[in-house]
Amino acid sequence: MQNKIEHTSVAGVNFEPNKKLGYYLVNNEIYYNKYDALISASKLNQQARWFFNEDTFVSYPWATEPEESLKDLYRQRAQHLRDRYDYIRVEASGGSDSTTVIFSFLLNNIPLD
């Protein structure tokens, strides 16, 4: 098997690659920029495959449902963040993700800064 080629620059700017932050694979070439990966995949008539901590995701028991409700898991995570950090600021776009985060704090009387 040949070695993978890593593309470590975008628009002429070089950067230190970090596979733990995720990457795309196209034709045995690693891309850290989605746009570049999709352009390459389009030219080669192939799919761009996203990799993000594959070892962790593959080993996780996805078929096992948690015992807690989703609301309780949100509350636990919000409390964990509040206990861990001195200052919490949420950059809210108004979309469903940031709205869920804000409500996880507010509905459980966990203060935001």
Protein backbone atom coordinates (compact mmCIF):
# COMPACT_ATOMS: atom_id res chain seq x y z
CA MET A 1 0.00 0.00 0.00
CA GLN A 2 1.33 3.42 -0.86
CA ASN A 3 1.80 6.18 1.69
CA LYS A 4 -0.93 8.76 2.03
CA ILE A 5 -0.22 12.26 0.74
CA GLU A 6 -1.11 15.03 3.19
CA HIS A 7 -2.20 18.43 1.90
CA THR A 8 -1.04 20.84 4.60
CA SER A 9 -1.75 24.24 3.11
CA VAL A 10 -4.85 26.17 2.17
CA ALA A 11 -4.76 29.28 -0.03
CA GLY A 12 -0.99 29.35 0.28
CA VAL A 13 -1.00 29.22 4.09
CA ASN A 14 0.83 26.26 5.62
CA PHE A 15 -0.39 24.69 8.85
CA GLU A 16 0.51 21.87 11.19
CA PRO A 17 -1.75 18.89 10.44
CA ASN A 18 -3.66 17.34 13.32
CA LYS A 19 -5.63 14.22 12.42
CA LYS A 20 -7.45 14.31 15.77
CA LEU A 21 -9.32 17.37 14.47
CA GLY A 22 -10.59 15.37 11.50
CA TYR A 23 -9.64 15.03 7.85
CA TYR A 24 -10.98 13.97 4.46
CA LEU A 25 -9.58 11.11 2.41
CA VAL A 26 -9.77 11.14 -1.38
CA ASN A 27 -7.84 8.66 -3.52
CA ASN A 28 -5.43 7.90 -0.65
CA GLU A 29 -4.74 11.63 -0.15
CA ILE A 30 -5.48 13.41 3.13
CA TYR A 31 -7.17 16.81 3.04
CA TYR A 32 -7.79 19.06 6.04
CA ASN A 33 -9.88 21.46 3.97
CA LYS A 34 -13.35 20.31 2.92
CA TYR A 35 -13.42 22.48 -0.19
CA ASP A 36 -10.12 21.09 -1.52
CA ALA A 37 -11.24 17.53 -0.77
CA LEU A 38 -14.54 17.96 -2.62
CA ILE A 39 -12.85 19.55 -5.63
CA SER A 40 -10.38 16.67 -5.83
CA ALA A 41 -13.15 14.09 -5.40
CA SER A 42 -15.19 15.75 -8.14
CA LYS A 43 -12.27 15.72 -10.58
CA LEU A 44 -11.59 12.03 -9.83
CA ASN A 45 -15.30 11.07 -9.77
CA GLN A 46 -14.86 9.69 -6.23
CA GLN A 47 -16.31 10.26 -2.79
CA ALA A 48 -14.56 12.30 -0.11
CA ARG A 49 -14.65 10.31 3.14
CA TRP A 50 -14.60 12.17 6.48
CA PHE A 51 -12.52 10.71 9.33
CA PHE A 52 -12.82 11.97 12.89
CA ASN A 53 -11.36 9.92 15.75
CA GLU A 54 -12.43 6.70 14.03
CA ASP A 55 -11.01 4.44 16.78
CA THR A 56 -13.27 6.05 19.37
CA PHE A 57 -16.41 6.02 17.21
CA VAL A 58 -15.92 2.44 16.02
CA SER A 59 -15.44 1.10 19.56
CA TYR A 60 -18.43 2.94 21.07
CA PRO A 61 -21.53 0.77 21.73
CA TRP A 62 -23.98 2.84 19.63
CA ALA A 63 -26.78 0.25 19.96
CA THR A 64 -26.92 0.71 23.77
CA GLU A 65 -29.39 3.40 24.82
CA PRO A 66 -28.43 5.57 27.82
CA GLU A 67 -30.53 5.13 30.97
CA GLU A 68 -30.94 8.90 31.40
CA SER A 69 -33.29 11.04 29.34
CA LEU A 70 -31.82 13.38 26.74
CA LYS A 71 -32.84 16.38 28.87
CA ASP A 72 -31.01 14.90 31.85
CA LEU A 73 -27.89 14.30 29.75
CA TYR A 74 -28.04 17.93 28.59
CA ARG A 75 -28.37 19.06 32.24
CA GLN A 76 -25.43 16.88 33.33
CA ARG A 77 -23.21 18.26 30.57
CA ALA A 78 -24.16 21.86 31.31
CA GLN A 79 -23.42 21.32 35.00
CA HIS A 80 -20.13 19.60 34.18
CA LEU A 81 -19.06 22.62 32.09
CA ARG A 82 -20.16 25.06 34.81
CA ASP A 83 -18.20 23.15 37.44
CA ARG A 84 -15.10 22.89 35.28
CA TYR A 85 -14.77 26.44 33.92
CA ASP A 86 -14.74 29.80 35.68
CA TYR A 87 -16.30 31.59 32.72
CA ILE A 88 -18.80 30.28 30.13
CA ARG A 89 -19.96 32.30 27.14
CA VAL A 90 -22.20 30.86 24.43
CA GLU A 91 -21.92 32.28 20.93
CA ALA A 92 -25.53 31.79 19.84
CA SER A 93 -26.61 31.85 16.21
CA GLY A 94 -30.26 31.18 16.98
CA GLY A 95 -30.02 27.76 15.34
CA SER A 96 -31.13 24.55 16.99
CA ASP A 97 -27.68 23.63 18.38
CA SER A 98 -26.96 26.90 20.18
CA THR A 99 -30.58 27.21 21.31
CA THR A 100 -30.38 23.71 22.85
CA VAL A 101 -27.15 24.65 24.65
CA ILE A 102 -28.65 27.86 26.07
CA PHE A 103 -31.84 26.13 27.22
CA SER A 104 -29.77 23.36 28.82
CA PHE A 105 -28.32 26.00 31.11
CA LEU A 106 -31.35 28.26 31.62
CA LEU A 107 -34.00 25.58 32.21
CA ASN A 108 -31.78 23.98 34.86
CA ASN A 109 -30.89 27.25 36.62
CA ILE A 110 -27.22 26.86 35.68
CA PRO A 111 -25.83 30.37 35.16
CA LEU A 112 -24.02 31.56 32.04
CA ASP A 113 -21.63 34.49 32.12
